[in-house]
PDB file of N, CA and C in Angstrom:
ATOM      1  N   MET A   1       0.905  -1.234  -0.057  1.00  0.00           N
ATOM      2  CA  MET A   1       0.065  -0.087  -0.023  1.00  0.00           C
ATOM      3  C   MET A   1       0.822   1.212   0.066  1.00  0.00           C
ATOM      4  N   THR A   2       0.510   2.231  -0.836  1.00  0.00           N
ATOM      5  CA  THR A   2       1.315   3.435  -0.903  1.00  0.00           C
ATOM      6  C   THR A   2       0.465   4.557  -0.337  1.00  0.00           C
ATOM      7  N   ILE A   3       1.087   5.428   0.488  1.00  0.00           N
ATOM      8  CA  ILE A   3       0.434   6.588   1.134  1.00  0.00           C
ATOM      9  C   ILE A   3       1.203   7.870   0.738  1.00  0.00           C
ATOM     10  N   ALA A   4       0.523   8.824   0.269  1.00  0.00           N
ATOM     11  CA  ALA A   4       1.114   9.954  -0.094  1.00  0.00           C
ATOM     12  C   ALA A   4       0.700  11.167   0.853  1.00  0.00           C
ATOM     13  N   ARG A   5       1.581  12.187   0.841  1.00  0.00           N
ATOM     14  CA  ARG A   5       1.181  13.371   1.654  1.00  0.00           C
ATOM     15  C   ARG A   5       1.236  14.622   0.748  1.00  0.00           C
ATOM     16  N   VAL A   6       0.606  15.661   0.920  1.00  0.00           N
ATOM     17  CA  VAL A   6       0.663  16.853   0.220  1.00  0.00           C
ATOM     18  C   VAL A   6       0.961  18.099   1.148  1.00  0.00           C
ATOM     19  N   THR A   7       2.022  18.808   0.725  1.00  0.00           N
ATOM     20  CA  THR A   7       2.462  19.974   1.506  1.00  0.00           C
ATOM     21  C   THR A   7       2.466  21.093   0.631  1.00  0.00           C
ATOM     22  N   GLU A   8       2.453  22.293   1.096  1.00  0.00           N
ATOM     23  CA  GLU A   8       2.382  23.523   0.398  1.00  0.00           C
ATOM     24  C   GLU A   8       3.769  24.234   0.448  1.00  0.00           C
ATOM     25  N   VAL A   9       4.153  24.673  -0.816  1.00  0.00           N
ATOM     26  CA  VAL A   9       5.442  25.358  -0.894  1.00  0.00           C
ATOM     27  C   VAL A   9       5.160  26.749  -1.533  1.00  0.00           C
ATOM     28  N   THR A  10       5.913  27.800  -1.285  1.00  0.00           N
ATOM     29  CA  THR A  10       5.884  29.031  -1.950  1.00  0.00           C
ATOM     30  C   THR A  10       7.266  29.258  -2.506  1.00  0.00           C
ATOM     31  N   ALA A  11       7.611  29.792  -3.686  1.00  0.00           N
ATOM     32  CA  ALA A  11       8.715  30.107  -4.210  1.00  0.00           C
ATOM     33  C   ALA A  11       8.586  31.406  -5.163  1.00  0.00           C
ATOM     34  N   SER A  12       9.785  32.003  -5.369  1.00  0.00           N
ATOM     35  CA  SER A  12       9.783  33.266  -6.102  1.00  0.00           C
ATOM     36  C   SER A  12      10.914  33.335  -6.842  1.00  0.00           C
ATOM     37  N   SER A  13      10.842  34.203  -8.009  1.00  0.00           N
ATOM     38  CA  SER A  13      11.965  34.320  -8.996  1.00  0.00           C
ATOM     39  C   SER A  13      11.936  35.773  -9.570  1.00  0.00           C
ATOM     40  N   LYS A  14      13.041  36.300  -9.976  1.00  0.00           N
ATOM     41  CA  LYS A  14      13.134  37.631 -10.544  1.00  0.00           C
ATOM     42  C   LYS A  14      12.902  37.356 -12.056  1.00  0.00           C
ATOM     43  N   LYS A  15      13.073  36.141 -12.512  1.00  0.00           N
ATOM     44  CA  LYS A  15      13.013  35.794 -14.028  1.00  0.00           C
ATOM     45  C   LYS A  15      11.663  35.456 -14.543  1.00  0.00           C
ATOM     46  N   SER A  16      10.969  34.457 -13.978  1.00  0.00           N
ATOM     47  CA  SER A  16       9.697  34.047 -14.483  1.00  0.00           C
ATOM     48  C   SER A  16       9.030  33.002 -13.698  1.00  0.00           C
ATOM     49  N   PHE A  17       7.900  32.822 -13.950  1.00  0.00           N
ATOM     50  CA  PHE A  17       6.988  31.837 -13.219  1.00  0.00           C
ATOM     51  C   PHE A  17       7.626  30.413 -13.311  1.00  0.00           C
ATOM     52  N   ASP A  18       8.118  29.975 -14.567  1.00  0.00           N
ATOM     53  CA  ASP A  18       8.737  28.787 -14.833  1.00  0.00           C
ATOM     54  C   ASP A  18       9.950  28.582 -13.800  1.00  0.00           C
ATOM     55  N   ASP A  19      10.743  29.692 -13.659  1.00  0.00           N
ATOM     56  CA  ASP A  19      11.906  29.683 -12.873  1.00  0.00           C
ATOM     57  C   ASP A  19      11.531  29.502 -11.441  1.00  0.00           C
ATOM     58  N   ALA A  20      10.519  30.132 -11.081  1.00  0.00           N
ATOM     59  CA  ALA A  20      10.172  29.991  -9.652  1.00  0.00           C
ATOM     60  C   ALA A  20       9.626  28.557  -9.315  1.00  0.00           C
ATOM     61  N   ILE A  21       8.825  27.995 -10.353  1.00  0.00           N
ATOM     62  CA  ILE A  21       8.424  26.634 -10.093  1.00  0.00           C
ATOM     63  C   ILE A  21       9.679  25.693 -10.008  1.00  0.00           C
ATOM     64  N   LYS A  22      10.551  25.832 -10.903  1.00  0.00           N
ATOM     65  CA  LYS A  22      11.865  24.922 -10.913  1.00  0.00           C
ATOM     66  C   LYS A  22      12.450  25.136  -9.552  1.00  0.00           C
ATOM     67  N   GLN A  23      12.869  26.372  -9.144  1.00  0.00           N
ATOM     68  CA  GLN A  23      13.476  26.697  -7.826  1.00  0.00           C
ATOM     69  C   GLN A  23      12.781  26.057  -6.609  1.00  0.00           C
ATOM     70  N   GLY A  24      11.404  26.167  -6.720  1.00  0.00           N
ATOM     71  CA  GLY A  24      10.752  25.632  -5.566  1.00  0.00           C
ATOM     72  C   GLY A  24      10.738  24.175  -5.538  1.00  0.00           C
ATOM     73  N   VAL A  25      10.550  23.433  -6.637  1.00  0.00           N
ATOM     74  CA  VAL A  25      10.744  21.979  -6.613  1.00  0.00           C
ATOM     75  C   VAL A  25      11.976  21.520  -6.205  1.00  0.00           C
ATOM     76  N   LYS A  26      13.108  22.247  -6.741  1.00  0.00           N
ATOM     77  CA  LYS A  26      14.355  21.881  -6.531  1.00  0.00           C
ATOM     78  C   LYS A  26      14.786  22.000  -5.010  1.00  0.00           C
ATOM     79  N   ARG A  27      14.369  23.137  -4.427  1.00  0.00           N
ATOM     80  CA  ARG A  27      14.566  23.327  -3.012  1.00  0.00           C
ATOM     81  C   ARG A  27      13.761  22.331  -2.096  1.00  0.00           C
ATOM     82  N   ALA A  28      12.483  22.083  -2.475  1.00  0.00           N
ATOM     83  CA  ALA A  28      11.711  21.079  -1.740  1.00  0.00           C
ATOM     84  C   ALA A  28      12.325  19.662  -1.778  1.00  0.00           C
ATOM     85  N   ASN A  29      12.848  19.346  -2.807  1.00  0.00           N
ATOM     86  CA  ASN A  29      13.609  18.140  -3.148  1.00  0.00           C
ATOM     87  C   ASN A  29      14.799  17.999  -2.279  1.00  0.00           C
ATOM     88  N   ASP A  30      15.485  19.180  -1.811  1.00  0.00           N
ATOM     89  CA  ASP A  30      16.530  19.048  -0.813  1.00  0.00           C
ATOM     90  C   ASP A  30      16.192  18.518   0.551  1.00  0.00           C
ATOM     91  N   THR A  31      14.845  18.600   1.020  1.00  0.00           N
ATOM     92  CA  THR A  31      14.535  18.230   2.214  1.00  0.00           C
ATOM     93  C   THR A  31      13.304  17.143   2.157  1.00  0.00           C
ATOM     94  N   ILE A  32      12.701  16.933   1.164  1.00  0.00           N
ATOM     95  CA  ILE A  32      11.618  16.030   0.970  1.00  0.00           C
ATOM     96  C   ILE A  32      12.018  14.878   0.073  1.00  0.00           C
ATOM     97  N   ASP A  33      11.888  13.691   0.613  1.00  0.00           N
ATOM     98  CA  ASP A  33      12.266  12.477  -0.309  1.00  0.00           C
ATOM     99  C   ASP A  33      10.925  11.942  -0.906  1.00  0.00           C
ATOM    100  N   GLY A  34      11.001  11.544  -2.014  1.00  0.00           N
ATOM    101  CA  GLY A  34       9.941  10.820  -2.741  1.00  0.00           C
ATOM    102  C   GLY A  34       8.951  11.777  -3.365  1.00  0.00           C
ATOM    103  N   ILE A  35       9.430  12.850  -3.823  1.00  0.00           N
ATOM    104  CA  ILE A  35       8.410  13.946  -4.497  1.00  0.00           C
ATOM    105  C   ILE A  35       7.912  13.261  -5.806  1.00  0.00           C
ATOM    106  N   THR A  36       6.662  13.108  -6.008  1.00  0.00           N
ATOM    107  CA  THR A  36       6.004  12.513  -7.357  1.00  0.00           C
ATOM    108  C   THR A  36       5.442  13.513  -8.118  1.00  0.00           C
ATOM    109  N   SER A  37       5.031  14.761  -7.632  1.00  0.00           N
ATOM    110  CA  SER A  37       4.244  15.808  -8.380  1.00  0.00           C
ATOM    111  C   SER A  37       4.283  16.968  -7.772  1.00  0.00           C
ATOM    112  N   ALA A  38       4.068  18.129  -8.444  1.00  0.00           N
ATOM    113  CA  ALA A  38       3.778  19.447  -8.026  1.00  0.00           C
ATOM    114  C   ALA A  38       2.773  20.008  -8.678  1.00  0.00           C
ATOM    115  N   TRP A  39       1.835  20.688  -8.070  1.00  0.00           N
ATOM    116  CA  TRP A  39       0.616  21.367  -8.666  1.00  0.00           C
ATOM    117  C   TRP A  39       0.666  22.685  -8.370  1.00  0.00           C
ATOM    118  N   VAL A  40       0.715  23.713  -9.381  1.00  0.00           N
ATOM    119  CA  VAL A  40       0.622  25.125  -9.113  1.00  0.00           C
ATOM    120  C   VAL A  40      -0.727  25.547  -8.682  1.00  0.00           C
ATOM    121  N   ALA A  41      -0.849  25.884  -7.522  1.00  0.00           N
ATOM    122  CA  ALA A  41      -2.199  26.344  -7.003  1.00  0.00           C
ATOM    123  C   ALA A  41      -2.429  27.814  -7.262  1.00  0.00           C
ATOM    124  N   ASP A  42      -1.436  28.645  -7.382  1.00  0.00           N
ATOM    125  CA  ASP A  42      -1.458  30.252  -7.429  1.00  0.00           C
ATOM    126  C   ASP A  42      -0.356  30.782  -8.036  1.00  0.00           C
ATOM    127  N   GLN A  43      -0.444  31.795  -8.624  1.00  0.00           N
ATOM    128  CA  GLN A  43       0.585  32.538  -9.210  1.00  0.00           C
ATOM    129  C   GLN A  43       0.267  34.054  -9.109  1.00  0.00           C
ATOM    130  N   ARG A  44       1.205  34.807  -8.632  1.00  0.00           N
ATOM    131  CA  ARG A  44       1.099  36.268  -8.626  1.00  0.00           C
ATOM    132  C   ARG A  44       2.329  36.894  -8.829  1.00  0.00           C
ATOM    133  N   VAL A  45       2.322  38.170  -9.260  1.00  0.00           N
ATOM    134  CA  VAL A  45       3.535  38.932  -9.538  1.00  0.00           C
ATOM    135  C   VAL A  45       3.480  40.290  -8.499  1.00  0.00           C
ATOM    136  N   SER A  46       4.876  40.630  -8.185  1.00  0.00           N
ATOM    137  CA  SER A  46       5.024  41.798  -7.447  1.00  0.00           C
ATOM    138  C   SER A  46       5.441  42.978  -8.431  1.00  0.00           C
ATOM    139  N   VAL A  47       4.761  44.053  -8.277  1.00  0.00           N
ATOM    140  CA  VAL A  47       4.879  45.140  -9.198  1.00  0.00           C
ATOM    141  C   VAL A  47       5.444  46.369  -8.540  1.00  0.00           C
ATOM    142  N   LYS A  48       6.459  47.073  -9.129  1.00  0.00           N
ATOM    143  CA  LYS A  48       6.924  48.337  -8.660  1.00  0.00           C
ATOM    144  C   LYS A  48       7.168  49.239  -9.824  1.00  0.00           C
ATOM    145  N   ASN A  49       6.503  50.569  -9.630  1.00  0.00           N
ATOM    146  CA  ASN A  49       6.585  51.505 -10.652  1.00  0.00           C
ATOM    147  C   ASN A  49       6.187  50.926 -12.018  1.00  0.00           C
ATOM    148  N   GLY A  50       5.025  50.187 -12.064  1.00  0.00           N
ATOM    149  CA  GLY A  50       4.611  49.595 -13.386  1.00  0.00           C
ATOM    150  C   GLY A  50       5.478  48.434 -13.959  1.00  0.00           C
ATOM    151  N   ALA A  51       6.434  47.860 -13.294  1.00  0.00           N
ATOM    152  CA  ALA A  51       7.269  46.889 -13.837  1.00  0.00           C
ATOM    153  C   ALA A  51       7.291  45.693 -12.824  1.00  0.00           C
ATOM    154  N   ILE A  52       7.121  44.571 -13.371  1.00  0.00           N
ATOM    155  CA  ILE A  52       7.188  43.299 -12.466  1.00  0.00           C
ATOM    156  C   ILE A  52       8.539  43.102 -12.033  1.00  0.00           C
ATOM    157  N   THR A  53       8.546  43.043 -10.617  1.00  0.00           N
ATOM    158  CA  THR A  53       9.821  42.737  -9.875  1.00  0.00           C
ATOM    159  C   THR A  53      10.100  41.339  -9.395  1.00  0.00           C
ATOM    160  N   ASP A  54       8.978  40.501  -9.196  1.00  0.00           N
ATOM    161  CA  ASP A  54       9.106  39.142  -8.649  1.00  0.00           C
ATOM    162  C   ASP A  54       7.902  38.368  -9.239  1.00  0.00           C
ATOM    163  N   TYR A  55       8.193  37.006  -9.633  1.00  0.00           N
ATOM    164  CA  TYR A  55       7.175  36.081 -10.016  1.00  0.00           C
ATOM    165  C   TYR A  55       6.959  35.081  -8.817  1.00  0.00           C
ATOM    166  N   ASN A  56       5.820  34.977  -8.245  1.00  0.00           N
ATOM    167  CA  ASN A  56       5.703  34.212  -7.122  1.00  0.00           C
ATOM    168  C   ASN A  56       4.677  32.958  -7.548  1.00  0.00           C
ATOM    169  N   VAL A  57       4.944  31.785  -6.947  1.00  0.00           N
ATOM    170  CA  VAL A  57       4.013  30.676  -7.123  1.00  0.00           C
ATOM    171  C   VAL A  57       3.798  29.969  -5.669  1.00  0.00           C
ATOM    172  N   ARG A  58       2.527  29.442  -5.647  1.00  0.00           N
ATOM    173  CA  ARG A  58       2.238  28.578  -4.498  1.00  0.00           C
ATOM    174  C   ARG A  58       1.899  27.303  -5.036  1.00  0.00           C
ATOM    175  N   MET A  59       2.678  26.291  -4.707  1.00  0.00           N
ATOM    176  CA  MET A  59       2.564  24.869  -5.167  1.00  0.00           C
ATOM    177  C   MET A  59       2.057  23.826  -4.061  1.00  0.00           C
ATOM    178  N   LYS A  60       1.526  22.900  -4.545  1.00  0.00           N
ATOM    179  CA  LYS A  60       1.138  21.725  -3.712  1.00  0.00           C
ATOM    180  C   LYS A  60       2.130  20.584  -4.133  1.00  0.00           C
ATOM    181  N   ILE A  61       2.941  20.181  -3.198  1.00  0.00           N
ATOM    182  CA  ILE A  61       3.969  19.028  -3.504  1.00  0.00           C
ATOM    183  C   ILE A  61       3.490  17.760  -2.904  1.00  0.00           C
ATOM    184  N   THR A  62       3.358  16.681  -3.756  1.00  0.00           N
ATOM    185  CA  THR A  62       3.066  15.392  -3.248  1.00  0.00           C
ATOM    186  C   THR A  62       4.257  14.545  -3.246  1.00  0.00           C
ATOM    187  N   PHE A  63       4.236  13.846  -2.089  1.00  0.00           N
ATOM    188  CA  PHE A  63       5.443  12.946  -1.809  1.00  0.00           C
ATOM    189  C   PHE A  63       4.890  11.626  -1.203  1.00  0.00           C
ATOM    190  N   VAL A  64       5.475  10.538  -1.507  1.00  0.00           N
ATOM    191  CA  VAL A  64       5.223   9.261  -0.823  1.00  0.00           C
ATOM    192  C   VAL A  64       5.882   9.114   0.318  1.00  0.00           C
ATOM    193  N   LEU A  65       5.043   8.725   1.447  1.00  0.00           N
ATOM    194  CA  LEU A  65       5.713   8.467   2.787  1.00  0.00           C
ATOM    195  C   LEU A  65       6.424   7.133   2.709  1.00  0.00           C
ATOM    196  N   LYS A  66       7.396   7.106   3.438  1.00  0.00           N
ATOM    197  CA  LYS A  66       8.313   5.844   3.734  1.00  0.00           C
ATOM    198  C   LYS A  66       7.584   4.863   4.416  1.00  0.00           C
ATOM    199  N   VAL A  67       7.864   3.559   4.114  1.00  0.00           N
ATOM    200  CA  VAL A  67       7.253   2.399   4.777  1.00  0.00           C
ATOM    201  C   VAL A  67       8.004   2.348   6.145  1.00  0.00           C
ATOM    202  N   SER A  68       7.125   2.011   7.195  1.00  0.00           N
ATOM    203  CA  SER A  68       7.742   1.920   8.462  1.00  0.00           C
ATOM    204  C   SER A  68       8.546   0.488   8.706  1.00  0.00           C
ATOM    205  N   ARG A  69       9.612   0.662   9.257  1.00  0.00           N
ATOM    206  CA  ARG A  69      10.364  -0.660   9.523  1.00  0.00           C
ATOM    207  C   ARG A  69      10.074  -1.337  10.782  1.00  0.00           C
ATOM    208  N   LYS A  70       9.150  -0.718  11.599  1.00  0.00           N
ATOM    209  CA  LYS A  70       8.717  -1.152  12.904  1.00  0.00           C
ATOM    210  C   LYS A  70       8.004  -2.568  12.675  1.00  0.00           C
ATOM    211  N   LYS A  71       8.193  -3.470  13.634  1.00  0.00           N
ATOM    212  CA  LYS A  71       7.424  -4.670  13.609  1.00  0.00           C
ATOM    213  C   LYS A  71       6.096  -4.553  14.320  1.00  0.00           C
ATOM    214  N   ALA A  72       4.987  -5.123  13.837  1.00  0.00           N
ATOM    215  CA  ALA A  72       3.566  -5.051  14.406  1.00  0.00           C
ATOM    216  C   ALA A  72       3.754  -5.742  15.675  1.00  0.00           C
ATOM    217  N   ARG A  73       2.958  -5.306  16.599  1.00  0.00           N
ATOM    218  CA  ARG A  73       3.022  -5.970  17.998  1.00  0.00           C
ATOM    219  C   ARG A  73       1.905  -6.992  18.002  1.00  0.00           C
TER     220      ARG A  73
END
């Protein structure tokens, strides 16, 4: 039986939404094992003086939980 968990991650980039997504998944992968998918839940931009300064994404990261090695009692 496989059990997965979903956690929310936010990431930003000065370049693009695509770069923010890639950086967010890359960073999440540094601390979460077994990532199987990422769903972009929300996108927004920060604007200053009429120009985009940051691309921000909110993602749902899905990962498979590890199997417990404990013996049943």
